[in-house]
PDB file of all heavy atoms in Angstrom:
ATOM      1  N   VAL A   1       0.880  -1.192  -0.007  1.00  0.00           N
ATOM      2  CA  VAL A   1       0.003   0.016   0.002  1.00  0.00           C
ATOM      3  C   VAL A   1       0.876   1.243   0.009  1.00  0.00           C
ATOM      4  O   VAL A   1       1.872   1.316   0.747  1.00  0.00           O
ATOM      5  CB  VAL A   1      -0.964   0.063   1.177  1.00  0.00           C
ATOM      6  CG1 VAL A   1      -1.744   1.343   1.251  1.00  0.00           C
ATOM      7  CG2 VAL A   1      -1.920  -1.165   1.123  1.00  0.00           C
ATOM      8  N   GLN A   2       0.489   2.181  -0.802  1.00  0.00           N
ATOM      9  CA  GLN A   2       1.252   3.491  -0.875  1.00  0.00           C
ATOM     10  C   GLN A   2       0.340   4.663  -0.860  1.00  0.00           C
ATOM     11  O   GLN A   2      -0.808   4.555  -1.386  1.00  0.00           O
ATOM     12  CB  GLN A   2       2.117   3.513  -2.113  1.00  0.00           C
ATOM     13  CG  GLN A   2       3.294   2.563  -2.138  1.00  0.00           C
ATOM     14  CD  GLN A   2       4.186   2.813  -3.355  1.00  0.00           C
ATOM     15  OE1 GLN A   2       3.695   2.717  -4.513  1.00  0.00           O
ATOM     16  NE2 GLN A   2       5.468   3.038  -3.170  1.00  0.00           N
ATOM     17  N   LEU A   3       0.766   5.748  -0.253  1.00  0.00           N
ATOM     18  CA  LEU A   3       0.045   6.994  -0.298  1.00  0.00           C
ATOM     19  C   LEU A   3       0.891   7.980  -1.106  1.00  0.00           C
ATOM     20  O   LEU A   3       2.070   8.210  -0.766  1.00  0.00           O
ATOM     21  CB  LEU A   3      -0.144   7.560   1.079  1.00  0.00           C
ATOM     22  CG  LEU A   3      -1.379   7.071   1.911  1.00  0.00           C
ATOM     23  CD1 LEU A   3      -1.338   5.554   2.098  1.00  0.00           C
ATOM     24  CD2 LEU A   3      -1.420   7.730   3.242  1.00  0.00           C
ATOM     25  N   VAL A   4       0.338   8.605  -2.127  1.00  0.00           N
ATOM     26  CA  VAL A   4       0.984   9.567  -2.943  1.00  0.00           C
ATOM     27  C   VAL A   4       0.304  10.878  -2.866  1.00  0.00           C
ATOM     28  O   VAL A   4      -0.864  11.015  -3.199  1.00  0.00           O
ATOM     29  CB  VAL A   4       1.013   9.018  -4.418  1.00  0.00           C
ATOM     30  CG1 VAL A   4       1.768  10.045  -5.293  1.00  0.00           C
ATOM     31  CG2 VAL A   4       1.702   7.678  -4.483  1.00  0.00           C
ATOM     32  N   GLU A   5       1.066  11.912  -2.444  1.00  0.00           N
ATOM     33  CA  GLU A   5       0.546  13.243  -2.254  1.00  0.00           C
ATOM     34  C   GLU A   5       0.923  14.145  -3.479  1.00  0.00           C
ATOM     35  O   GLU A   5       1.969  13.885  -4.134  1.00  0.00           O
ATOM     36  CB  GLU A   5       1.115  13.847  -1.023  1.00  0.00           C
ATOM     37  CG  GLU A   5       0.757  13.101   0.238  1.00  0.00           C
ATOM     38  CD  GLU A   5       1.330  13.842   1.499  1.00  0.00           C
ATOM     39  OE1 GLU A   5       1.413  15.092   1.470  1.00  0.00           O
ATOM     40  OE2 GLU A   5       1.710  13.176   2.472  1.00  0.00           O
ATOM     41  N   SER A   6       0.093  15.144  -3.703  1.00  0.00           N
ATOM     42  CA  SER A   6       0.326  16.088  -4.674  1.00  0.00           C
ATOM     43  C   SER A   6      -0.434  17.350  -4.360  1.00  0.00           C
ATOM     44  O   SER A   6      -1.391  17.318  -3.511  1.00  0.00           O
ATOM     45  CB  SER A   6      -0.057  15.624  -6.094  1.00  0.00           C
ATOM     46  OG  SER A   6      -1.439  15.315  -6.184  1.00  0.00           O
ATOM     47  N   GLY A   7      -0.063  18.442  -5.004  1.00  0.00           N
ATOM     48  CA  GLY A   7      -0.775  19.722  -4.835  1.00  0.00           C
ATOM     49  C   GLY A   7      -0.128  20.838  -4.113  1.00  0.00           C
ATOM     50  O   GLY A   7      -0.635  21.937  -4.084  1.00  0.00           O
ATOM     51  N   GLY A   8       0.980  20.556  -3.443  1.00  0.00           N
ATOM     52  CA  GLY A   8       1.668  21.598  -2.725  1.00  0.00           C
ATOM     53  C   GLY A   8       2.322  22.578  -3.634  1.00  0.00           C
ATOM     54  O   GLY A   8       2.398  22.407  -4.880  1.00  0.00           O
ATOM     55  N   GLY A   9       2.791  23.698  -3.079  1.00  0.00           N
ATOM     56  CA  GLY A   9       3.462  24.736  -3.897  1.00  0.00           C
ATOM     57  C   GLY A   9       3.571  26.020  -3.148  1.00  0.00           C
ATOM     58  O   GLY A   9       3.343  26.103  -1.909  1.00  0.00           O
ATOM     59  N   LEU A  10       3.879  27.039  -3.937  1.00  0.00           N
ATOM     60  CA  LEU A  10       3.975  28.415  -3.401  1.00  0.00           C
ATOM     61  C   LEU A  10       2.790  29.242  -3.792  1.00  0.00           C
ATOM     62  O   LEU A  10       2.360  29.194  -4.954  1.00  0.00           O
ATOM     63  CB  LEU A  10       5.263  29.120  -3.998  1.00  0.00           C
ATOM     64  CG  LEU A  10       5.514  30.520  -3.651  1.00  0.00           C
ATOM     65  CD1 LEU A  10       5.740  30.691  -2.113  1.00  0.00           C
ATOM     66  CD2 LEU A  10       6.711  31.026  -4.394  1.00  0.00           C
ATOM     67  N   VAL A  11       2.213  29.900  -2.794  1.00  0.00           N
ATOM     68  CA  VAL A  11       0.994  30.726  -3.094  1.00  0.00           C
ATOM     69  C   VAL A  11       1.060  31.933  -2.244  1.00  0.00           C
ATOM     70  O   VAL A  11       1.673  31.943  -1.130  1.00  0.00           O
ATOM     71  CB  VAL A  11      -0.230  29.889  -2.801  1.00  0.00           C
ATOM     72  CG1 VAL A  11      -0.337  29.506  -1.302  1.00  0.00           C
ATOM     73  CG2 VAL A  11      -1.530  30.630  -3.253  1.00  0.00           C
ATOM     74  N   GLN A  12       0.499  32.974  -2.724  1.00  0.00           N
ATOM     75  CA  GLN A  12       0.411  34.254  -1.973  1.00  0.00           C
ATOM     76  C   GLN A  12      -0.633  34.181  -0.916  1.00  0.00           C
ATOM     77  O   GLN A  12      -1.651  33.422  -1.020  1.00  0.00           O
ATOM     78  CB  GLN A  12       0.147  35.454  -2.866  1.00  0.00           C
ATOM     79  CG  GLN A  12       1.226  35.798  -3.815  1.00  0.00           C
ATOM     80  CD  GLN A  12       0.988  37.028  -4.644  1.00  0.00           C
ATOM     81  OE1 GLN A  12      -0.110  37.516  -4.716  1.00  0.00           O
ATOM     82  NE2 GLN A  12       2.014  37.608  -5.296  1.00  0.00           N
ATOM     83  N   ALA A  13      -0.463  34.952   0.164  1.00  0.00           N
ATOM     84  CA  ALA A  13      -1.466  35.045   1.217  1.00  0.00           C
ATOM     85  C   ALA A  13      -2.796  35.384   0.613  1.00  0.00           C
ATOM     86  O   ALA A  13      -2.938  36.200  -0.250  1.00  0.00           O
ATOM     87  CB  ALA A  13      -1.074  36.048   2.246  1.00  0.00           C
ATOM     88  N   GLY A  14      -3.842  34.651   1.086  1.00  0.00           N
ATOM     89  CA  GLY A  14      -5.203  34.868   0.555  1.00  0.00           C
ATOM     90  C   GLY A  14      -5.544  33.874  -0.561  1.00  0.00           C
ATOM     91  O   GLY A  14      -6.743  33.788  -0.876  1.00  0.00           O
ATOM     92  N   GLY A  15      -4.586  33.160  -1.048  1.00  0.00           N
ATOM     93  CA  GLY A  15      -4.839  32.265  -2.135  1.00  0.00           C
ATOM     94  C   GLY A  15      -5.259  30.877  -1.654  1.00  0.00           C
ATOM     95  O   GLY A  15      -5.494  30.652  -0.487  1.00  0.00           O
ATOM     96  N   SER A  16      -5.341  29.977  -2.591  1.00  0.00           N
ATOM     97  CA  SER A  16      -5.876  28.637  -2.334  1.00  0.00           C
ATOM     98  C   SER A  16      -4.978  27.553  -2.951  1.00  0.00           C
ATOM     99  O   SER A  16      -4.341  27.796  -3.931  1.00  0.00           O
ATOM    100  CB  SER A  16      -7.298  28.497  -2.926  1.00  0.00           C
ATOM    101  OG  SER A  16      -8.163  29.393  -2.279  1.00  0.00           O
ATOM    102  N   LEU A  17      -4.988  26.412  -2.288  1.00  0.00           N
ATOM    103  CA  LEU A  17      -4.349  25.209  -2.808  1.00  0.00           C
ATOM    104  C   LEU A  17      -5.273  24.035  -2.453  1.00  0.00           C
ATOM    105  O   LEU A  17      -6.010  24.055  -1.507  1.00  0.00           O
ATOM    106  CB  LEU A  17      -2.963  24.982  -2.223  1.00  0.00           C
ATOM    107  CG  LEU A  17      -1.819  25.840  -2.660  1.00  0.00           C
ATOM    108  CD1 LEU A  17      -0.569  25.557  -1.796  1.00  0.00           C
ATOM    109  CD2 LEU A  17      -1.518  25.648  -4.130  1.00  0.00           C
ATOM    110  N   ARG A  18      -5.174  23.005  -3.281  1.00  0.00           N
ATOM    111  CA  ARG A  18      -5.856  21.758  -3.048  1.00  0.00           C
ATOM    112  C   ARG A  18      -4.846  20.608  -3.012  1.00  0.00           C
ATOM    113  O   ARG A  18      -4.267  20.323  -4.069  1.00  0.00           O
ATOM    114  CB  ARG A  18      -6.967  21.513  -4.017  1.00  0.00           C
ATOM    115  CG  ARG A  18      -7.911  20.362  -3.637  1.00  0.00           C
ATOM    116  CD  ARG A  18      -8.876  20.021  -4.773  1.00  0.00           C
ATOM    117  NE  ARG A  18      -9.960  19.229  -4.316  1.00  0.00           N
ATOM    118  CZ  ARG A  18     -10.807  18.575  -5.122  1.00  0.00           C
ATOM    119  NH1 ARG A  18     -10.706  18.619  -6.428  1.00  0.00           N
ATOM    120  NH2 ARG A  18     -11.815  17.821  -4.577  1.00  0.00           N
ATOM    121  N   LEU A  19      -4.740  19.996  -1.867  1.00  0.00           N
ATOM    122  CA  LEU A  19      -3.879  18.819  -1.768  1.00  0.00           C
ATOM    123  C   LEU A  19      -4.605  17.533  -2.042  1.00  0.00           C
ATOM    124  O   LEU A  19      -5.809  17.456  -1.705  1.00  0.00           O
ATOM    125  CB  LEU A  19      -3.273  18.734  -0.382  1.00  0.00           C
ATOM    126  CG  LEU A  19      -2.504  19.996   0.146  1.00  0.00           C
ATOM    127  CD1 LEU A  19      -1.910  19.737   1.482  1.00  0.00           C
ATOM    128  CD2 LEU A  19      -1.442  20.455  -0.882  1.00  0.00           C
ATOM    129  N   SER A  20      -3.971  16.564  -2.634  1.00  0.00           N
ATOM    130  CA  SER A  20      -4.581  15.243  -2.915  1.00  0.00           C
ATOM    131  C   SER A  20      -3.633  14.191  -2.340  1.00  0.00           C
ATOM    132  O   SER A  20      -2.459  14.282  -2.318  1.00  0.00           O
ATOM    133  CB  SER A  20      -4.743  15.088  -4.440  1.00  0.00           C
ATOM    134  OG  SER A  20      -5.584  15.994  -4.957  1.00  0.00           O
ATOM    135  N   CYS A  21      -4.348  13.099  -1.931  1.00  0.00           N
ATOM    136  CA  CYS A  21      -3.607  11.955  -1.390  1.00  0.00           C
ATOM    137  C   CYS A  21      -4.326  10.736  -1.885  1.00  0.00           C
ATOM    138  O   CYS A  21      -5.480  10.444  -1.472  1.00  0.00           O
ATOM    139  CB  CYS A  21      -3.511  11.977   0.097  1.00  0.00           C
ATOM    140  SG  CYS A  21      -2.727  10.484   0.817  1.00  0.00           S
ATOM    141  N   ALA A  22      -3.681   9.939  -2.785  1.00  0.00           N
ATOM    142  CA  ALA A  22      -4.247   8.764  -3.369  1.00  0.00           C
ATOM    143  C   ALA A  22      -3.620   7.500  -2.700  1.00  0.00           C
ATOM    144  O   ALA A  22      -2.469   7.373  -2.595  1.00  0.00           O
ATOM    145  CB  ALA A  22      -4.038   8.764  -4.845  1.00  0.00           C
ATOM    146  N   VAL A  23      -4.529   6.605  -2.363  1.00  0.00           N
ATOM    147  CA  VAL A  23      -4.091   5.352  -1.762  1.00  0.00           C
ATOM    148  C   VAL A  23      -4.170   4.283  -2.794  1.00  0.00           C
ATOM    149  O   VAL A  23      -5.177   4.076  -3.438  1.00  0.00           O
ATOM    150  CB  VAL A  23      -4.980   4.884  -0.558  1.00  0.00           C
ATOM    151  CG1 VAL A  23      -4.456   3.628   0.104  1.00  0.00           C
ATOM    152  CG2 VAL A  23      -5.026   6.066   0.454  1.00  0.00           C
ATOM    153  N   SER A  24      -3.055   3.544  -3.037  1.00  0.00           N
ATOM    154  CA  SER A  24      -2.969   2.490  -3.996  1.00  0.00           C
ATOM    155  C   SER A  24      -2.623   1.163  -3.286  1.00  0.00           C
ATOM    156  O   SER A  24      -1.926   1.173  -2.276  1.00  0.00           O
ATOM    157  CB  SER A  24      -1.969   2.774  -5.047  1.00  0.00           C
ATOM    158  OG  SER A  24      -0.650   2.838  -4.587  1.00  0.00           O
ATOM    159  N   GLY A  25      -3.160   0.090  -3.864  1.00  0.00           N
ATOM    160  CA  GLY A  25      -2.885  -1.138  -3.227  1.00  0.00           C
ATOM    161  C   GLY A  25      -4.096  -2.066  -3.451  1.00  0.00           C
ATOM    162  O   GLY A  25      -4.999  -1.778  -4.293  1.00  0.00           O
ATOM    163  N   SER A  26      -4.162  -3.057  -2.645  1.00  0.00           N
ATOM    164  CA  SER A  26      -5.304  -4.018  -2.728  1.00  0.00           C
ATOM    165  C   SER A  26      -5.610  -4.579  -1.362  1.00  0.00           C
ATOM    166  O   SER A  26      -4.846  -4.509  -0.392  1.00  0.00           O
ATOM    167  CB  SER A  26      -4.992  -5.222  -3.701  1.00  0.00           C
ATOM    168  OG  SER A  26      -3.848  -5.947  -3.246  1.00  0.00           O
ATOM    169  N   ARG A  27      -6.825  -5.084  -1.243  1.00  0.00           N
ATOM    170  CA  ARG A  27      -7.291  -5.681  -0.042  1.00  0.00           C
ATOM    171  C   ARG A  27      -7.185  -4.752   1.205  1.00  0.00           C
ATOM    172  O   ARG A  27      -6.732  -5.141   2.245  1.00  0.00           O
ATOM    173  CB  ARG A  27      -6.526  -7.004   0.279  1.00  0.00           C
ATOM    174  CG  ARG A  27      -6.714  -8.040  -0.801  1.00  0.00           C
ATOM    175  CD  ARG A  27      -5.927  -9.343  -0.446  1.00  0.00           C
ATOM    176  NE  ARG A  27      -6.172 -10.357  -1.480  1.00  0.00           N
ATOM    177  CZ  ARG A  27      -7.187 -11.201  -1.444  1.00  0.00           C
ATOM    178  NH1 ARG A  27      -8.099 -11.161  -0.489  1.00  0.00           N
ATOM    179  NH2 ARG A  27      -7.271 -12.117  -2.404  1.00  0.00           N
ATOM    180  N   PHE A  28      -7.555  -3.498   0.987  1.00  0.00           N
ATOM    181  CA  PHE A  28      -7.537  -2.630   2.092  1.00  0.00           C
ATOM    182  C   PHE A  28      -8.927  -1.875   2.211  1.00  0.00           C
ATOM    183  O   PHE A  28      -9.629  -1.731   1.246  1.00  0.00           O
ATOM    184  CB  PHE A  28      -6.467  -1.578   1.981  1.00  0.00           C
ATOM    185  CG  PHE A  28      -6.632  -0.566   0.870  1.00  0.00           C
ATOM    186  CD1 PHE A  28      -7.293   0.612   1.108  1.00  0.00           C
ATOM    187  CD2 PHE A  28      -6.073  -0.778  -0.355  1.00  0.00           C
ATOM    188  CE1 PHE A  28      -7.478   1.497   0.008  1.00  0.00           C
ATOM    189  CE2 PHE A  28      -6.227   0.143  -1.391  1.00  0.00           C
ATOM    190  CZ  PHE A  28      -6.939   1.295  -1.172  1.00  0.00           C
ATOM    191  N   SER A  29      -9.153  -1.403   3.419  1.00  0.00           N
ATOM    192  CA  SER A  29     -10.314  -0.540   3.645  1.00  0.00           C
ATOM    193  C   SER A  29      -9.824   0.588   4.574  1.00  0.00           C
ATOM    194  O   SER A  29      -8.924   0.379   5.411  1.00  0.00           O
ATOM    195  CB  SER A  29     -11.440  -1.336   4.280  1.00  0.00           C
ATOM    196  OG  SER A  29     -11.116  -1.921   5.510  1.00  0.00           O
ATOM    197  N   ILE A  30     -10.443   1.704   4.437  1.00  0.00           N
ATOM    198  CA  ILE A  30     -10.006   2.907   5.170  1.00  0.00           C
ATOM    199  C   ILE A  30     -10.776   3.051   6.421  1.00  0.00           C
ATOM    200  O   ILE A  30     -11.984   3.022   6.516  1.00  0.00           O
ATOM    201  CB  ILE A  30     -10.194   4.158   4.311  1.00  0.00           C
ATOM    202  CG1 ILE A  30      -9.390   4.060   3.045  1.00  0.00           C
ATOM    203  CG2 ILE A  30      -9.863   5.359   5.107  1.00  0.00           C
ATOM    204  CD1 ILE A  30      -9.641   5.181   2.026  1.00  0.00           C
ATOM    205  N   ASN A  31      -9.992   3.118   7.531  1.00  0.00           N
ATOM    206  CA  ASN A  31     -10.587   3.408   8.826  1.00  0.00           C
ATOM    207  C   ASN A  31     -10.635   4.918   9.053  1.00  0.00           C
ATOM    208  O   ASN A  31     -11.707   5.474   9.454  1.00  0.00           O
ATOM    209  CB  ASN A  31      -9.811   2.762   9.948  1.00  0.00           C
ATOM    210  CG  ASN A  31      -9.799   1.219   9.847  1.00  0.00           C
ATOM    211  OD1 ASN A  31     -10.843   0.636   9.571  1.00  0.00           O
ATOM    212  ND2 ASN A  31      -8.661   0.616  10.141  1.00  0.00           N
ATOM    213  N   THR A  32      -9.519   5.583   8.919  1.00  0.00           N
ATOM    214  CA  THR A  32      -9.374   7.003   9.149  1.00  0.00           C
ATOM    215  C   THR A  32      -8.379   7.595   8.155  1.00  0.00           C
ATOM    216  O   THR A  32      -7.357   6.947   7.923  1.00  0.00           O
ATOM    217  CB  THR A  32      -8.923   7.360  10.527  1.00  0.00           C
ATOM    218  OG1 THR A  32      -9.863   6.716  11.500  1.00  0.00           O
ATOM    219  CG2 THR A  32      -8.959   8.831  10.836  1.00  0.00           C
ATOM    220  N   MET A  33      -8.628   8.748   7.607  1.00  0.00           N
ATOM    221  CA  MET A  33      -7.607   9.478   6.909  1.00  0.00           C
ATOM    222  C   MET A  33      -7.586  10.919   7.328  1.00  0.00           C
ATOM    223  O   MET A  33      -8.546  11.427   7.870  1.00  0.00           O
ATOM    224  CB  MET A  33      -7.931   9.417   5.364  1.00  0.00           C
ATOM    225  CG  MET A  33      -7.794   8.068   4.739  1.00  0.00           C
ATOM    226  SD  MET A  33      -7.686   8.092   2.956  1.00  0.00           S
ATOM    227  CE  MET A  33      -6.039   8.763   2.680  1.00  0.00           C
ATOM    228  N   GLY A  34      -6.417  11.490   7.195  1.00  0.00           N
ATOM    229  CA  GLY A  34      -6.245  12.828   7.700  1.00  0.00           C
ATOM    230  C   GLY A  34      -5.025  13.520   7.161  1.00  0.00           C
ATOM    231  O   GLY A  34      -4.225  12.954   6.489  1.00  0.00           O
ATOM    232  N   TRP A  35      -4.932  14.826   7.460  1.00  0.00           N
ATOM    233  CA  TRP A  35      -3.818  15.601   7.086  1.00  0.00           C
ATOM    234  C   TRP A  35      -3.176  16.242   8.347  1.00  0.00           C
ATOM    235  O   TRP A  35      -3.849  16.690   9.206  1.00  0.00           O
ATOM    236  CB  TRP A  35      -4.304  16.794   6.155  1.00  0.00           C
ATOM    237  CG  TRP A  35      -4.714  16.325   4.808  1.00  0.00           C
ATOM    238  CD1 TRP A  35      -5.951  15.988   4.441  1.00  0.00           C
ATOM    239  CD2 TRP A  35      -3.878  16.108   3.689  1.00  0.00           C
ATOM    240  NE1 TRP A  35      -5.975  15.652   3.054  1.00  0.00           N
ATOM    241  CE2 TRP A  35      -4.681  15.667   2.630  1.00  0.00           C
ATOM    242  CE3 TRP A  35      -2.522  16.257   3.464  1.00  0.00           C
ATOM    243  CZ2 TRP A  35      -4.188  15.384   1.347  1.00  0.00           C
ATOM    244  CZ3 TRP A  35      -2.004  15.973   2.189  1.00  0.00           C
ATOM    245  CH2 TRP A  35      -2.874  15.534   1.168  1.00  0.00           C
ATOM    246  N   TYR A  36      -1.863  16.222   8.325  1.00  0.00           N
ATOM    247  CA  TYR A  36      -0.965  16.741   9.397  1.00  0.00           C
ATOM    248  C   TYR A  36       0.027  17.659   8.757  1.00  0.00           C
ATOM    249  O   TYR A  36       0.360  17.604   7.569  1.00  0.00           O
ATOM    250  CB  TYR A  36      -0.323  15.609  10.192  1.00  0.00           C
ATOM    251  CG  TYR A  36      -1.272  14.692  10.855  1.00  0.00           C
ATOM    252  CD1 TYR A  36      -1.996  13.735  10.137  1.00  0.00           C
ATOM    253  CD2 TYR A  36      -1.514  14.767  12.230  1.00  0.00           C
ATOM    254  CE1 TYR A  36      -2.916  12.879  10.782  1.00  0.00           C
ATOM    255  CE2 TYR A  36      -2.376  13.902  12.836  1.00  0.00           C
ATOM    256  CZ  TYR A  36      -3.097  12.962  12.132  1.00  0.00           C
ATOM    257  OH  TYR A  36      -4.001  12.147  12.750  1.00  0.00           O
ATOM    258  N   ARG A  37       0.575  18.572   9.528  1.00  0.00           N
ATOM    259  CA  ARG A  37       1.588  19.431   9.063  1.00  0.00           C
ATOM    260  C   ARG A  37       2.628  19.704  10.089  1.00  0.00           C
ATOM    261  O   ARG A  37       2.372  19.642  11.288  1.00  0.00           O
ATOM    262  CB  ARG A  37       0.979  20.798   8.551  1.00  0.00           C
ATOM    263  CG  ARG A  37       0.471  21.635   9.646  1.00  0.00           C
ATOM    264  CD  ARG A  37      -0.239  22.882   9.090  1.00  0.00           C
ATOM    265  NE  ARG A  37      -0.778  23.796  10.133  1.00  0.00           N
ATOM    266  CZ  ARG A  37      -1.564  24.811   9.862  1.00  0.00           C
ATOM    267  NH1 ARG A  37      -1.876  25.132   8.652  1.00  0.00           N
ATOM    268  NH2 ARG A  37      -1.959  25.605  10.861  1.00  0.00           N
ATOM    269  N   GLN A  38       3.818  20.041   9.598  1.00  0.00           N
ATOM    270  CA  GLN A  38       4.915  20.371  10.512  1.00  0.00           C
ATOM    271  C   GLN A  38       5.775  21.489   9.892  1.00  0.00           C
ATOM    272  O   GLN A  38       6.305  21.405   8.787  1.00  0.00           O
ATOM    273  CB  GLN A  38       5.824  19.124  10.708  1.00  0.00           C
ATOM    274  CG  GLN A  38       6.876  19.338  11.724  1.00  0.00           C
ATOM    275  CD  GLN A  38       7.503  17.978  12.135  1.00  0.00           C
ATOM    276  OE1 GLN A  38       7.510  17.019  11.439  1.00  0.00           O
ATOM    277  NE2 GLN A  38       8.188  17.979  13.301  1.00  0.00           N
ATOM    278  N   ALA A  39       5.859  22.568  10.679  1.00  0.00           N
ATOM    279  CA  ALA A  39       6.666  23.699  10.279  1.00  0.00           C
ATOM    280  C   ALA A  39       8.057  23.566  10.936  1.00  0.00           C
ATOM    281  O   ALA A  39       8.189  22.878  11.937  1.00  0.00           O
ATOM    282  CB  ALA A  39       6.008  24.961  10.752  1.00  0.00           C
TER     283      ALA A  39
END
């Protein structure tokens, strides 16, 4: 199973971004998904 993220980048204050995270693999089911960040 792999999680592949995309959508980050540089944006000006007030702007918008959309992050995506796709789960690939087999024989899995999702209990919980979330986003975390670290500065």
